[in-house]
Amino acid sequence: MIIRCTAKLLRDMGIPAKNTVVPVSNETILDDWHANMFYIGRKKSVIFCNNRTLYSVVACGVNRENIRELSKLLRRELGKALLDDGLDGALIQKLVNEVRDVSFAPTDDRTVVGIMWWII
């Protein structure tokens, strides 16, 4: 799975955008994600948007440690959002377990990035 991050988010993660290598994506139910960092007040927040479904998850009030472990943050917030949406526990577990072997790369789809800004 690939999480495609904006340059600002990659910088906060400590990953130089020029040094990222785009691996071949593994086929999963939810496919890959895009992520962007923004501020609410003075608190950092991260929005994740699924490439295939455009399902979005927002993590508010994150710190630097959370950002450096972005895949864990996505797993946690995705589980919460799917539970709030009323999905079955077994399905939630299956979808959350897909967020493994995560690679990070720069954004490549302006449509998904635009959707994220529209949601914010």
Protein backbone atom coordinates (compact mmCIF):
# COMPACT_ATOMS: atom_id res chain seq x y z
CA MET A 1 0.00 0.00 0.00
CA ILE A 2 1.19 3.49 -0.79
CA ILE A 3 0.30 6.65 1.10
CA ARG A 4 0.99 9.57 -1.20
CA CYS A 5 1.82 12.61 0.90
CA THR A 6 2.06 16.30 0.13
CA ALA A 7 5.53 17.86 0.26
CA LYS A 8 4.71 19.58 3.56
CA LEU A 9 3.70 16.28 5.17
CA LEU A 10 6.75 14.43 3.81
CA ARG A 11 8.96 17.19 5.24
CA ASP A 12 7.33 16.85 8.69
CA MET A 13 7.80 13.07 8.50
CA GLY A 14 11.50 13.60 7.84
CA ILE A 15 11.37 12.06 4.37
CA PRO A 16 12.91 14.14 1.56
CA ALA A 17 10.44 14.25 -1.35
CA LYS A 18 13.27 13.88 -3.86
CA ASN A 19 14.49 10.64 -2.28
CA THR A 20 11.18 8.80 -2.22
CA VAL A 21 10.96 5.74 -4.42
CA VAL A 22 7.54 4.79 -5.75
CA PRO A 23 7.13 1.04 -5.24
CA VAL A 24 4.65 -1.12 -7.06
CA SER A 25 1.36 -1.00 -5.23
CA ASN A 26 -0.11 -4.21 -3.82
CA GLU A 27 -3.71 -4.79 -4.82
CA THR A 28 -5.95 -4.31 -1.79
CA ILE A 29 -9.65 -3.67 -1.33
CA LEU A 30 -9.16 0.00 -0.54
CA ASP A 31 -6.14 0.58 -2.81
CA ASP A 32 -3.80 3.49 -2.02
CA TRP A 33 -4.33 6.71 -0.06
CA HIS A 34 -3.37 10.38 -0.29
CA ALA A 35 -2.55 12.40 2.84
CA ASN A 36 -2.19 16.08 3.63
CA MET A 37 -1.39 18.04 6.77
CA PHE A 38 -3.28 21.18 7.75
CA TYR A 39 -3.88 23.25 10.87
CA ILE A 40 -7.01 23.78 12.92
CA GLY A 41 -6.15 26.67 15.17
CA ARG A 42 -2.59 25.90 16.16
CA LYS A 43 -3.02 22.13 16.16
CA LYS A 44 -1.78 19.92 13.33
CA SER A 45 -4.30 17.67 11.63
CA VAL A 46 -3.94 15.08 8.88
CA ILE A 47 -6.54 14.15 6.30
CA PHE A 48 -6.38 10.82 4.46
CA CYS A 49 -8.35 10.29 1.26
CA ASN A 50 -8.72 6.92 -0.42
CA ASN A 51 -7.81 6.97 -4.12
CA ARG A 52 -10.51 4.53 -5.21
CA THR A 53 -13.51 5.49 -3.08
CA LEU A 54 -12.57 9.03 -1.98
CA TYR A 55 -13.52 7.96 1.56
CA SER A 56 -11.83 10.44 3.85
CA VAL A 57 -10.57 10.22 7.40
CA VAL A 58 -9.38 13.17 9.49
CA ALA A 59 -7.04 12.95 12.47
CA CYS A 60 -7.14 16.13 14.56
CA GLY A 61 -4.61 17.32 17.10
CA VAL A 62 -1.74 15.10 16.00
CA ASN A 63 1.82 15.58 17.20
CA ARG A 64 5.17 14.99 15.53
CA GLU A 65 5.37 11.41 16.81
CA ASN A 66 1.98 10.60 15.24
CA ILE A 67 3.09 12.10 11.94
CA ARG A 68 6.29 10.08 11.89
CA GLU A 69 4.17 6.91 12.32
CA LEU A 70 1.60 7.80 9.68
CA SER A 71 0.53 4.24 8.92
CA LYS A 72 -0.38 3.65 12.59
CA LEU A 73 -2.31 6.91 12.59
CA LEU A 74 -4.26 5.85 9.49
CA ARG A 75 -5.04 2.43 10.99
CA ARG A 76 -6.34 3.97 14.21
CA GLU A 77 -8.41 6.72 12.62
CA LEU A 78 -9.78 4.45 9.86
CA GLY A 79 -10.98 1.98 12.47
CA LYS A 80 -12.71 4.75 14.43
CA ALA A 81 -14.35 6.23 11.32
CA LEU A 82 -15.63 2.88 10.04
CA LEU A 83 -17.00 2.04 13.49
CA ASP A 84 -18.77 5.41 13.63
CA ASP A 85 -20.23 4.66 10.18
CA GLY A 86 -21.76 1.46 11.54
CA LEU A 87 -19.78 -1.18 9.66
CA ASP A 88 -19.51 -4.74 10.93
CA GLY A 89 -16.57 -5.40 13.27
CA ALA A 90 -15.15 -8.22 11.12
CA LEU A 91 -15.18 -6.02 8.02
CA ILE A 92 -13.55 -3.16 9.92
CA GLN A 93 -10.79 -5.49 11.11
CA LYS A 94 -10.22 -6.75 7.55
CA LEU A 95 -9.96 -3.22 6.14
CA VAL A 96 -7.73 -1.94 8.94
CA ASN A 97 -5.42 -4.95 8.57
CA GLU A 98 -4.82 -3.96 4.94
CA VAL A 99 -2.89 -0.90 6.14
CA ARG A 100 0.38 -2.85 6.38
CA ASP A 101 3.65 -2.70 4.46
CA VAL A 102 3.08 0.98 3.80
CA SER A 103 5.36 2.97 1.51
CA PHE A 104 5.34 6.74 1.18
CA ALA A 105 5.53 8.71 -2.04
CA PRO A 106 4.72 12.23 -3.29
CA THR A 107 1.21 12.99 -4.46
CA ASP A 108 0.40 12.17 -8.06
CA ASP A 109 -3.31 12.86 -8.48
CA ARG A 110 -4.50 16.46 -8.28
CA THR A 111 -8.11 15.32 -8.24
CA VAL A 112 -7.70 13.50 -4.93
CA VAL A 113 -5.72 16.41 -3.44
CA GLY A 114 -8.48 18.79 -4.57
CA ILE A 115 -11.12 16.59 -2.94
CA MET A 116 -9.16 16.71 0.33
CA TRP A 117 -9.09 20.53 0.26
CA TRP A 118 -12.78 20.61 -0.55
CA ILE A 119 -13.55 18.42 2.49
CA ILE A 120 -11.47 20.58 4.84
